[in-house]
Amino acid sequence: MNQAIKKNFFVFAPAAILVIALLVQPWVNPLWAFQDPIVAAQSSGECCSAYFGVMSNIGVIYWIVGATAAACAAIVLRASGAPSRTVAFMTSAALLTAALGLDDLLLLHERILPKLGIPQKAILLAYALAGVAYVAAFFRDIRSRDFSVLCLGILALVVSLGIDVVFSEQTDQMKIAEDTAKFFGIAGWTGFHWLRAIAAMRERARSPA
C-alpha cells in the first residue's frame, strides 16, 4: 500500500465507520443525527434526544481541528523564520477553515444571513469562489503527496453543494446523501490541512536555522 492510499485510509476510514454505523443501526433516524440539533428537534417534533445533531457536531469538531492545526503551524513557522509564503499558506488555510466551521456551527448560510437579506445561493457561491481563490493562490504548496486527500474532500463537498443547490425539494434520503457527502468532505479538508501542517513544521525543523 503506497503512501497516498495509506493517508486516504487514515483520513477517511474513521468518517466511513461513523457513517456506516449510523446508517445500519435500527434505532434512530440517521437524518436527525446529521442535522443541527435545533433543526433535528424541529423536524422530529420532539425535544430532545442525545443523538440529535451528533454527526453535525462531529463535523464542527473536524473544522476546529483543521483550523487549529493550520493556525498553530502558522504561528510556529512565523516564529521560526519560515518563508513568508508558507506562513501565508497556513494562515489562509486557518482563516478559511475557521470561517467554514463557524458557518456550519451557526447555520449562517442557511438561517442567519438569508434573514438579513443575503441569498443562500450567493453565500454558497462566495464560499466556492473563496475556495477556488485559495487553491489557485497556493496551488504550489497544496500540490503535495497529500493532494489526493484534498481532492477527494473537495469532490465530496462539491457533491453535497450540488445536491443542496439542484434539488430544492429533497426527500429524507436525499438529505442524508447530502449530509453524508458533506461529512466526508469535511473529513478530507481537515485531514489534508492537518497533514500539511505537520509536514510543514517537520520540514522547517530539518531546515538550517
Protein backbone atom coordinates (compact mmCIF):
# COMPACT_ATOMS: atom_id res chain seq x y z
CA MET A 1 0.00 0.00 0.00
CA ASN A 2 1.61 3.28 -1.12
CA GLN A 3 1.72 6.44 0.96
CA ALA A 4 -1.20 8.16 -0.79
CA ILE A 5 -3.52 5.21 -0.19
CA LYS A 6 -2.41 4.94 3.43
CA LYS A 7 -3.12 8.63 4.06
CA ASN A 8 -6.51 8.47 2.38
CA PHE A 9 -7.39 5.44 4.51
CA PHE A 10 -6.17 7.20 7.66
CA VAL A 11 -8.30 10.28 6.91
CA PHE A 12 -11.49 8.74 5.56
CA ALA A 13 -11.76 5.42 7.42
CA PRO A 14 -12.94 6.95 10.75
CA ALA A 15 -15.57 9.01 8.91
CA ALA A 16 -16.70 5.94 6.96
CA ILE A 17 -17.02 3.86 10.14
CA LEU A 18 -19.17 6.55 11.78
CA VAL A 19 -21.42 6.96 8.74
CA ILE A 20 -21.88 3.23 8.15
CA ALA A 21 -22.62 2.60 11.83
CA LEU A 22 -25.25 5.35 11.78
CA LEU A 23 -26.90 4.14 8.58
CA VAL A 24 -27.14 0.46 9.54
CA GLN A 25 -28.33 0.88 13.13
CA PRO A 26 -32.10 0.30 13.52
CA TRP A 27 -32.93 2.54 16.48
CA VAL A 28 -32.80 6.19 15.36
CA ASN A 29 -33.41 8.27 12.25
CA PRO A 30 -29.99 8.99 10.67
CA LEU A 31 -31.25 12.31 9.30
CA TRP A 32 -31.73 13.75 12.77
CA ALA A 33 -28.17 12.78 13.69
CA PHE A 34 -26.84 14.64 10.64
CA GLN A 35 -28.94 17.78 11.16
CA ASP A 36 -28.16 20.62 13.52
CA PRO A 37 -29.60 19.74 16.98
CA ILE A 38 -32.20 22.53 16.86
CA VAL A 39 -33.23 21.64 13.30
CA ALA A 40 -33.46 17.97 14.29
CA ALA A 41 -35.69 18.83 17.23
CA GLN A 42 -37.96 20.86 14.94
CA SER A 43 -38.04 18.13 12.28
CA SER A 44 -38.74 15.32 14.70
CA GLY A 45 -41.41 17.14 16.65
CA GLU A 46 -39.86 16.09 19.94
CA CYS A 47 -37.28 17.54 22.29
CA CYS A 48 -34.82 16.36 22.90
CA SER A 49 -32.67 13.30 22.29
CA ALA A 50 -28.94 12.99 22.91
CA TYR A 51 -28.25 11.82 19.37
CA PHE A 52 -29.82 14.87 17.71
CA GLY A 53 -27.09 16.59 15.71
CA VAL A 54 -24.30 14.25 16.79
CA MET A 55 -22.82 13.97 13.29
CA SER A 56 -23.25 17.71 12.76
CA ASN A 57 -21.34 18.37 15.97
CA ILE A 58 -18.58 15.96 14.98
CA GLY A 59 -18.32 17.83 11.69
CA VAL A 60 -17.85 21.10 13.57
CA ILE A 61 -15.13 19.44 15.65
CA TYR A 62 -13.44 18.40 12.40
CA TRP A 63 -13.48 22.03 11.23
CA ILE A 64 -12.00 23.19 14.55
CA VAL A 65 -9.23 20.59 14.35
CA GLY A 66 -8.31 21.69 10.82
CA ALA A 67 -8.34 25.39 11.65
CA THR A 68 -6.35 24.86 14.85
CA ALA A 69 -3.72 22.70 13.16
CA ALA A 70 -3.18 25.29 10.42
CA ALA A 71 -3.15 28.20 12.89
CA CYS A 72 -0.62 26.50 15.18
CA ALA A 73 1.57 25.71 12.19
CA ALA A 74 1.39 29.33 11.01
CA ILE A 75 2.42 30.61 14.45
CA VAL A 76 5.30 28.15 14.81
CA LEU A 77 6.52 28.72 11.25
CA ARG A 78 6.43 32.50 11.59
CA ALA A 79 8.28 32.38 14.90
CA SER A 80 10.95 30.13 13.40
CA GLY A 81 11.55 32.39 10.40
CA ALA A 82 9.97 30.16 7.77
CA PRO A 83 9.37 31.58 4.28
CA SER A 84 6.53 34.10 4.23
CA ARG A 85 4.68 32.14 1.53
CA THR A 86 4.47 29.05 3.76
CA VAL A 87 3.24 31.16 6.67
CA ALA A 88 0.64 32.81 4.40
CA PHE A 89 -0.50 29.39 3.18
CA MET A 90 -1.09 28.10 6.71
CA THR A 91 -2.68 31.38 7.82
CA SER A 92 -5.09 31.40 4.87
CA ALA A 93 -5.95 27.75 5.50
CA ALA A 94 -6.70 28.52 9.15
CA LEU A 95 -8.91 31.52 8.34
CA LEU A 96 -10.87 29.80 5.57
CA THR A 97 -11.38 26.64 7.62
CA ALA A 98 -12.46 28.65 10.66
CA ALA A 99 -14.96 30.59 8.52
CA LEU A 100 -16.45 27.38 7.14
CA GLY A 101 -16.63 25.89 10.61
CA LEU A 102 -18.31 28.99 12.03
CA ASP A 103 -20.86 28.89 9.23
CA ASP A 104 -21.55 25.23 9.96
CA LEU A 105 -21.87 25.84 13.70
CA LEU A 106 -24.17 28.86 13.49
CA LEU A 107 -26.07 27.91 10.31
CA LEU A 108 -25.01 31.24 8.80
CA HIS A 109 -25.78 30.48 5.15
CA GLU A 110 -28.93 28.51 5.99
CA ARG A 111 -30.65 30.68 8.58
CA ILE A 112 -28.95 33.86 9.77
CA LEU A 113 -27.60 35.57 6.65
CA PRO A 114 -30.71 34.90 4.49
CA LYS A 115 -32.78 36.62 7.20
CA LEU A 116 -30.50 39.65 6.72
CA GLY A 117 -31.35 39.70 3.03
CA ILE A 118 -28.35 37.80 1.67
CA PRO A 119 -29.49 34.92 -0.59
CA GLN A 120 -28.25 31.47 0.37
CA LYS A 121 -27.01 30.72 -3.15
CA ALA A 122 -24.96 33.93 -3.15
CA ILE A 123 -23.31 32.89 0.10
CA LEU A 124 -22.53 29.41 -1.23
CA LEU A 125 -21.11 30.97 -4.40
CA ALA A 126 -18.91 33.24 -2.26
CA TYR A 127 -17.55 30.22 -0.36
CA ALA A 128 -16.92 28.39 -3.63
CA LEU A 129 -15.05 31.38 -5.08
CA ALA A 130 -13.03 31.74 -1.86
CA GLY A 131 -12.08 28.07 -2.11
CA VAL A 132 -11.06 28.42 -5.75
CA ALA A 133 -9.02 31.55 -4.96
CA TYR A 134 -7.30 29.77 -2.09
CA VAL A 135 -6.37 26.75 -4.21
CA ALA A 136 -5.21 28.97 -7.08
CA ALA A 137 -3.08 31.19 -4.83
CA PHE A 138 -1.38 28.31 -3.04
CA PHE A 139 -1.55 25.52 -5.60
CA ARG A 140 2.22 25.05 -5.48
CA ASP A 141 2.02 24.49 -1.72
CA ILE A 142 -1.16 22.41 -1.89
CA ARG A 143 0.12 20.05 -4.57
CA SER A 144 1.95 17.51 -2.45
CA ARG A 145 1.86 13.85 -1.51
CA ASP A 146 -1.33 14.65 0.41
CA PHE A 147 -3.02 16.21 -2.62
CA SER A 148 -5.36 13.26 -3.23
CA VAL A 149 -6.83 13.68 0.26
CA LEU A 150 -7.84 17.27 -0.52
CA CYS A 151 -9.14 16.34 -3.98
CA LEU A 152 -11.44 13.68 -2.54
CA GLY A 153 -12.58 16.07 0.19
CA ILE A 154 -13.37 18.87 -2.28
CA LEU A 155 -15.16 16.40 -4.58
CA ALA A 156 -17.37 15.30 -1.69
CA LEU A 157 -18.12 18.94 -0.76
CA VAL A 158 -19.00 19.71 -4.39
CA VAL A 159 -21.38 16.73 -4.47
CA SER A 160 -23.02 17.94 -1.25
CA LEU A 161 -23.29 21.50 -2.58
CA GLY A 162 -24.69 20.24 -5.88
CA ILE A 163 -27.44 18.27 -4.14
CA ASP A 164 -28.28 21.31 -2.00
CA VAL A 165 -28.47 23.71 -4.95
CA VAL A 166 -30.05 21.49 -7.62
CA PHE A 167 -32.71 19.75 -5.55
CA SER A 168 -34.85 22.35 -3.82
CA GLU A 169 -37.37 19.73 -2.71
CA GLN A 170 -35.50 16.88 -1.04
CA THR A 171 -36.59 13.57 0.39
CA ASP A 172 -35.06 12.36 3.64
CA GLN A 173 -32.81 10.06 1.59
CA MET A 174 -31.53 12.98 -0.48
CA LYS A 175 -30.85 14.99 2.68
CA ILE A 176 -28.91 12.09 4.17
CA ALA A 177 -26.91 11.75 0.92
CA GLU A 178 -26.13 15.47 1.01
CA ASP A 179 -25.03 15.39 4.64
CA THR A 180 -23.00 12.20 4.14
CA ALA A 181 -21.09 13.80 1.26
CA LYS A 182 -20.57 16.93 3.34
CA PHE A 183 -19.24 14.87 6.27
CA PHE A 184 -16.68 13.13 4.04
CA GLY A 185 -15.79 16.48 2.51
CA ILE A 186 -15.08 18.00 5.92
CA ALA A 187 -13.00 14.96 6.87
CA GLY A 188 -10.94 15.28 3.70
CA TRP A 189 -10.45 19.04 4.03
CA THR A 190 -9.41 18.78 7.68
CA GLY A 191 -7.27 15.70 7.12
CA PHE A 192 -5.33 17.42 4.34
CA HIS A 193 -4.61 20.55 6.35
CA TRP A 194 -3.66 18.55 9.42
CA LEU A 195 -1.20 16.53 7.33
CA ARG A 196 0.21 19.65 5.64
CA ALA A 197 0.60 21.46 8.96
CA ILE A 198 2.58 18.56 10.42
CA ALA A 199 4.68 18.24 7.26
CA ALA A 200 5.43 21.99 7.13
CA MET A 201 6.65 22.03 10.73
CA ARG A 202 8.77 18.92 10.20
CA GLU A 203 10.32 20.41 7.07
CA ARG A 204 11.09 23.61 8.96
CA ALA A 205 12.65 21.65 11.83
CA ARG A 206 15.00 19.94 9.36
CA SER A 207 15.94 23.20 7.66
CA PRO A 208 19.08 25.06 8.76
CA ALA A 209 18.39 27.99 11.10
